[in-house]
Amino acid sequence: QVQLVESGGGLVQPGGSLRLSCAASGFTFSSYAMSWYRQAPGNERKLVASISSTGAGTNYPDAVKGRFTISRDNTKNTVYLQMNSLKPEDTAVYYCKAKRGVSEVWGQGTLVTVSS
């Protein structure tokens, strides 16, 4: 069964850190580029980080650059998102996505709430 399972979300105070994980199964993880997206209530889903299949290339939008770091371990079929200096506006459901050509797989999401 092809699936992605996110974990690591929760409640954190502004300025705090969280590390999200996304475990893949049912497909050749090392052949897929991986991304993290987030969606806040009433907003569209937006990209927050992406990483190439080998991990050699990463990309971030300005909103998270310097605070978020994406990484992957192809031996564990897992991609991570380290989030530092969190802000209330980072509150959202975070999703991971695997992509290879026209093939895409999405996880079910994990909620991150940044609040004091």
N, C-alpha and C. Protein backbone atom coordinates (compact mmCIF):
# COMPACT_ATOMS: atom_id res chain seq x y z
N GLN A 1 0.84 -1.20 0.00
CA GLN A 1 0.00 0.00 0.00
C GLN A 1 0.87 1.24 0.00
N VAL A 2 0.62 2.12 -0.98
CA VAL A 2 1.37 3.37 -1.09
C VAL A 2 0.84 4.35 -0.05
N GLN A 3 1.72 4.82 0.82
CA GLN A 3 1.26 5.81 1.78
C GLN A 3 2.40 6.64 2.36
N LEU A 4 2.02 7.81 2.83
CA LEU A 4 2.90 8.71 3.57
C LEU A 4 2.21 9.00 4.90
N VAL A 5 2.96 8.92 5.99
CA VAL A 5 2.40 9.16 7.31
C VAL A 5 3.23 10.22 8.01
N GLU A 6 2.62 11.37 8.25
CA GLU A 6 3.30 12.46 8.95
C GLU A 6 3.14 12.31 10.46
N SER A 7 4.11 12.83 11.19
CA SER A 7 4.05 12.86 12.65
C SER A 7 4.89 14.02 13.15
N GLY A 8 4.72 14.34 14.44
CA GLY A 8 5.56 15.36 15.06
C GLY A 8 4.88 16.69 15.29
N GLY A 9 3.66 16.84 14.81
CA GLY A 9 2.95 18.09 15.03
C GLY A 9 2.53 18.26 16.48
N GLY A 10 2.07 19.45 16.79
CA GLY A 10 1.61 19.71 18.15
C GLY A 10 1.55 21.19 18.44
N LEU A 11 1.45 21.51 19.73
CA LEU A 11 1.38 22.89 20.19
C LEU A 11 2.75 23.34 20.65
N VAL A 12 3.18 24.49 20.17
CA VAL A 12 4.48 25.04 20.54
C VAL A 12 4.35 26.54 20.72
N GLN A 13 5.15 27.09 21.62
CA GLN A 13 5.12 28.53 21.85
C GLN A 13 5.88 29.27 20.76
N PRO A 14 5.52 30.52 20.52
CA PRO A 14 6.29 31.32 19.55
C PRO A 14 7.77 31.32 19.92
N GLY A 15 8.60 31.17 18.90
CA GLY A 15 10.04 31.08 19.11
C GLY A 15 10.54 29.67 19.31
N GLY A 16 9.63 28.73 19.47
CA GLY A 16 10.02 27.35 19.70
C GLY A 16 10.32 26.59 18.43
N SER A 17 10.59 25.29 18.60
CA SER A 17 10.97 24.43 17.48
C SER A 17 10.14 23.15 17.49
N LEU A 18 9.99 22.59 16.30
CA LEU A 18 9.37 21.28 16.13
C LEU A 18 10.07 20.59 14.97
N ARG A 19 10.09 19.25 15.02
CA ARG A 19 10.57 18.49 13.87
C ARG A 19 9.46 17.55 13.42
N LEU A 20 9.06 17.72 12.18
CA LEU A 20 8.07 16.84 11.59
C LEU A 20 8.78 15.71 10.85
N SER A 21 8.13 14.56 10.85
CA SER A 21 8.62 13.41 10.10
C SER A 21 7.53 12.91 9.16
N CYS A 22 7.95 12.32 8.07
CA CYS A 22 7.02 11.74 7.11
C CYS A 22 7.61 10.41 6.65
N ALA A 23 6.96 9.33 7.05
CA ALA A 23 7.44 7.99 6.73
C ALA A 23 6.71 7.47 5.50
N ALA A 24 7.48 6.97 4.55
CA ALA A 24 6.93 6.48 3.28
C ALA A 24 6.95 4.97 3.24
N SER A 25 5.98 4.41 2.54
CA SER A 25 5.95 2.97 2.32
C SER A 25 5.18 2.67 1.03
N GLY A 26 5.52 1.52 0.44
CA GLY A 26 4.78 1.06 -0.73
C GLY A 26 5.30 1.58 -2.06
N PHE A 27 6.38 2.35 -2.06
CA PHE A 27 6.96 2.82 -3.31
C PHE A 27 8.45 3.05 -3.10
N THR A 28 9.16 3.28 -4.20
CA THR A 28 10.61 3.46 -4.14
C THR A 28 10.92 4.90 -3.73
N PHE A 29 11.01 5.09 -2.43
CA PHE A 29 11.16 6.42 -1.85
C PHE A 29 12.34 7.19 -2.45
N SER A 30 13.45 6.54 -2.66
CA SER A 30 14.66 7.23 -3.11
C SER A 30 14.55 7.74 -4.54
N SER A 31 13.50 7.37 -5.26
CA SER A 31 13.30 7.85 -6.63
C SER A 31 12.38 9.07 -6.71
N TYR A 32 11.86 9.48 -5.58
CA TYR A 32 10.87 10.55 -5.55
C TYR A 32 11.43 11.81 -4.90
N ALA A 33 11.13 12.95 -5.51
CA ALA A 33 11.34 14.22 -4.83
C ALA A 33 10.27 14.35 -3.75
N MET A 34 10.64 15.00 -2.65
CA MET A 34 9.73 15.15 -1.53
C MET A 34 9.52 16.62 -1.20
N SER A 35 8.33 16.92 -0.73
CA SER A 35 8.01 18.30 -0.38
C SER A 35 7.15 18.33 0.88
N TRP A 36 7.21 19.46 1.56
CA TRP A 36 6.28 19.76 2.64
C TRP A 36 5.43 20.96 2.20
N TYR A 37 4.14 20.85 2.45
CA TYR A 37 3.19 21.93 2.22
C TYR A 37 2.47 22.22 3.52
N ARG A 38 1.83 23.37 3.58
CA ARG A 38 0.98 23.66 4.72
C ARG A 38 -0.28 24.37 4.26
N GLN A 39 -1.31 24.19 5.07
CA GLN A 39 -2.60 24.82 4.76
C GLN A 39 -3.21 25.32 6.05
N ALA A 40 -3.38 26.64 6.13
CA ALA A 40 -4.04 27.26 7.27
C ALA A 40 -5.54 27.36 6.96
N PRO A 41 -6.38 27.44 7.98
CA PRO A 41 -7.84 27.52 7.75
C PRO A 41 -8.20 28.67 6.83
N GLY A 42 -8.99 28.35 5.80
CA GLY A 42 -9.43 29.38 4.86
C GLY A 42 -8.43 29.76 3.80
N ASN A 43 -7.25 29.14 3.85
CA ASN A 43 -6.19 29.47 2.89
C ASN A 43 -5.89 28.30 1.97
N GLU A 44 -5.21 28.58 0.87
CA GLU A 44 -4.81 27.51 -0.04
C GLU A 44 -3.58 26.80 0.52
N ARG A 45 -3.36 25.59 0.04
CA ARG A 45 -2.18 24.83 0.42
C ARG A 45 -0.95 25.43 -0.26
N LYS A 46 0.11 25.65 0.53
CA LYS A 46 1.31 26.29 0.00
C LYS A 46 2.56 25.47 0.29
N LEU A 47 3.50 25.54 -0.63
CA LEU A 47 4.77 24.86 -0.48
C LEU A 47 5.61 25.54 0.60
N VAL A 48 6.24 24.73 1.48
CA VAL A 48 7.16 25.31 2.46
C VAL A 48 8.59 24.79 2.30
N ALA A 49 8.75 23.65 1.64
CA ALA A 49 10.10 23.14 1.44
C ALA A 49 10.06 21.97 0.46
N SER A 50 11.11 21.82 -0.32
CA SER A 50 11.21 20.67 -1.20
C SER A 50 12.64 20.19 -1.23
N ILE A 51 12.81 18.90 -1.56
CA ILE A 51 14.12 18.29 -1.60
C ILE A 51 14.15 17.28 -2.75
N SER A 52 15.27 17.23 -3.44
CA SER A 52 15.41 16.30 -4.56
C SER A 52 15.48 14.86 -4.07
N SER A 53 15.41 13.94 -5.00
CA SER A 53 15.39 12.52 -4.63
C SER A 53 16.67 12.09 -3.91
N THR A 54 17.79 12.71 -4.27
CA THR A 54 19.07 12.35 -3.63
C THR A 54 19.34 13.18 -2.38
N GLY A 55 18.59 14.25 -2.22
CA GLY A 55 18.84 15.16 -1.11
C GLY A 55 19.83 16.25 -1.42
N ALA A 56 20.33 16.28 -2.65
CA ALA A 56 21.36 17.25 -3.01
C ALA A 56 20.81 18.65 -3.18
N GLY A 57 19.53 18.76 -3.53
CA GLY A 57 18.95 20.07 -3.77
C GLY A 57 17.74 20.33 -2.89
N THR A 58 17.66 21.55 -2.35
CA THR A 58 16.52 21.94 -1.53
C THR A 58 16.02 23.31 -1.98
N ASN A 59 14.78 23.61 -1.62
CA ASN A 59 14.20 24.88 -2.02
C ASN A 59 13.20 25.32 -0.95
N TYR A 60 13.19 26.63 -0.67
CA TYR A 60 12.30 27.18 0.35
C TYR A 60 11.72 28.51 -0.13
N PRO A 61 10.47 28.78 0.20
CA PRO A 61 9.95 30.13 -0.06
C PRO A 61 10.51 31.10 0.97
N ASP A 62 10.43 32.38 0.66
CA ASP A 62 11.00 33.39 1.55
C ASP A 62 10.39 33.36 2.95
N ALA A 63 9.12 32.96 3.06
CA ALA A 63 8.43 33.00 4.34
C ALA A 63 9.08 32.10 5.39
N VAL A 64 9.79 31.06 4.96
CA VAL A 64 10.38 30.11 5.92
C VAL A 64 11.90 29.99 5.76
N LYS A 65 12.46 30.62 4.75
CA LYS A 65 13.91 30.49 4.49
C LYS A 65 14.70 30.95 5.71
N GLY A 66 15.66 30.13 6.10
CA GLY A 66 16.48 30.45 7.26
C GLY A 66 15.91 29.93 8.57
N ARG A 67 14.64 29.53 8.57
CA ARG A 67 14.01 28.99 9.79
C ARG A 67 13.69 27.50 9.65
N PHE A 68 13.33 27.06 8.46
CA PHE A 68 12.94 25.67 8.22
C PHE A 68 14.04 24.96 7.44
N THR A 69 14.23 23.68 7.74
CA THR A 69 15.20 22.86 7.02
C THR A 69 14.57 21.52 6.69
N ILE A 70 14.59 21.17 5.41
CA ILE A 70 14.10 19.87 4.98
C ILE A 70 15.30 18.93 4.80
N SER A 71 15.10 17.67 5.17
CA SER A 71 16.15 16.68 4.98
C SER A 71 15.47 15.33 4.76
N ARG A 72 16.25 14.37 4.31
CA ARG A 72 15.70 13.05 4.07
C ARG A 72 16.72 11.98 4.39
N ASP A 73 16.24 10.81 4.76
CA ASP A 73 17.08 9.65 5.00
C ASP A 73 16.52 8.54 4.12
N ASN A 74 17.17 8.29 3.01
CA ASN A 74 16.66 7.29 2.08
C ASN A 74 16.82 5.86 2.60
N THR A 75 17.63 5.68 3.64
CA THR A 75 17.74 4.34 4.24
C THR A 75 16.56 4.06 5.16
N LYS A 76 15.90 5.13 5.61
CA LYS A 76 14.75 4.98 6.50
C LYS A 76 13.43 5.35 5.82
N ASN A 77 13.50 5.70 4.53
CA ASN A 77 12.30 6.10 3.78
C ASN A 77 11.53 7.21 4.50
N THR A 78 12.27 8.20 4.97
CA THR A 78 11.67 9.25 5.77
C THR A 78 12.20 10.62 5.36
N VAL A 79 11.31 11.60 5.34
CA VAL A 79 11.69 12.98 5.12
C VAL A 79 11.31 13.78 6.37
N TYR A 80 12.12 14.77 6.66
CA TYR A 80 11.95 15.56 7.89
C TYR A 80 11.79 17.04 7.56
N LEU A 81 11.16 17.74 8.48
CA LEU A 81 11.10 19.20 8.40
C LEU A 81 11.41 19.75 9.78
N GLN A 82 12.60 20.33 9.91
CA GLN A 82 12.99 20.98 11.15
C GLN A 82 12.52 22.42 11.10
N MET A 83 11.72 22.82 12.06
CA MET A 83 11.14 24.17 12.08
C MET A 83 11.60 24.88 13.34
N ASN A 84 12.32 25.98 13.15
CA ASN A 84 12.84 26.78 14.25
C ASN A 84 12.23 28.17 14.22
N SER A 85 12.37 28.88 15.33
CA SER A 85 11.86 30.26 15.43
C SER A 85 10.42 30.35 14.93
N LEU A 86 9.60 29.46 15.42
CA LEU A 86 8.21 29.40 14.94
C LEU A 86 7.42 30.63 15.32
N LYS A 87 6.53 30.99 14.42
CA LYS A 87 5.67 32.17 14.58
C LYS A 87 4.21 31.74 14.56
N PRO A 88 3.34 32.54 15.14
CA PRO A 88 1.90 32.19 15.09
C PRO A 88 1.40 31.97 13.66
N GLU A 89 1.95 32.68 12.72
CA GLU A 89 1.51 32.53 11.33
C GLU A 89 1.99 31.22 10.69
N ASP A 90 2.80 30.46 11.38
CA ASP A 90 3.18 29.13 10.91
C ASP A 90 2.13 28.08 11.26
N THR A 91 1.13 28.47 12.03
CA THR A 91 0.06 27.55 12.39
C THR A 91 -0.68 27.06 11.15
N ALA A 92 -0.75 25.73 11.00
CA ALA A 92 -1.37 25.13 9.81
C ALA A 92 -1.33 23.62 9.95
N VAL A 93 -2.02 22.96 9.05
CA VAL A 93 -1.84 21.52 8.86
C VAL A 93 -0.71 21.35 7.85
N TYR A 94 0.27 20.54 8.21
CA TYR A 94 1.44 20.31 7.37
C TYR A 94 1.31 18.95 6.69
N TYR A 95 1.54 18.94 5.38
CA TYR A 95 1.43 17.75 4.57
C TYR A 95 2.75 17.45 3.88
N CYS A 96 3.08 16.19 3.73
CA CYS A 96 4.21 15.85 2.88
C CYS A 96 3.67 15.26 1.58
N LYS A 97 4.50 15.42 0.54
CA LYS A 97 4.13 14.96 -0.78
C LYS A 97 5.33 14.31 -1.45
N ALA A 98 5.10 13.19 -2.11
CA ALA A 98 6.11 12.53 -2.93
C ALA A 98 5.73 12.73 -4.39
N LYS A 99 6.72 13.04 -5.22
CA LYS A 99 6.42 13.27 -6.64
C LYS A 99 7.52 12.70 -7.52
N ARG A 100 7.08 12.00 -8.56
CA ARG A 100 7.99 11.53 -9.61
C ARG A 100 7.23 11.59 -10.91
N GLY A 101 7.61 12.49 -11.78
CA GLY A 101 6.89 12.68 -13.02
C GLY A 101 5.46 13.12 -12.72
N VAL A 102 4.48 12.40 -13.23
CA VAL A 102 3.08 12.74 -12.99
C VAL A 102 2.51 12.01 -11.78
N SER A 103 3.32 11.18 -11.15
CA SER A 103 2.87 10.42 -9.99
C SER A 103 3.07 11.22 -8.71
N GLU A 104 2.00 11.34 -7.92
CA GLU A 104 2.06 12.06 -6.66
C GLU A 104 1.39 11.24 -5.56
N VAL A 105 1.95 11.36 -4.36
CA VAL A 105 1.37 10.74 -3.17
C VAL A 105 1.34 11.80 -2.09
N TRP A 106 0.23 11.92 -1.38
CA TRP A 106 0.09 12.89 -0.29
C TRP A 106 -0.15 12.15 1.02
N GLY A 107 0.35 12.75 2.09
CA GLY A 107 0.04 12.26 3.42
C GLY A 107 -1.25 12.87 3.92
N GLN A 108 -1.63 12.47 5.13
CA GLN A 108 -2.91 12.91 5.69
C GLN A 108 -2.79 14.22 6.47
N GLY A 109 -1.57 14.63 6.75
CA GLY A 109 -1.34 15.90 7.42
C GLY A 109 -1.16 15.78 8.92
N THR A 110 -0.43 16.75 9.47
CA THR A 110 -0.24 16.84 10.92
C THR A 110 -0.38 18.31 11.31
N LEU A 111 -1.10 18.56 12.40
CA LEU A 111 -1.41 19.93 12.80
C LEU A 111 -0.30 20.53 13.63
N VAL A 112 0.13 21.72 13.25
CA VAL A 112 1.09 22.50 14.03
C VAL A 112 0.39 23.78 14.49
N THR A 113 0.40 24.00 15.79
CA THR A 113 -0.21 25.20 16.35
C THR A 113 0.86 25.97 17.12
N VAL A 114 1.07 27.21 16.73
CA VAL A 114 2.05 28.07 17.39
C VAL A 114 1.28 29.13 18.17
N SER A 115 1.31 29.01 19.48
CA SER A 115 0.53 29.92 20.31
C SER A 115 1.08 29.93 21.72
N SER A 116 0.94 31.08 22.37
CA SER A 116 1.34 31.18 23.77
C SER A 116 0.15 30.93 24.69
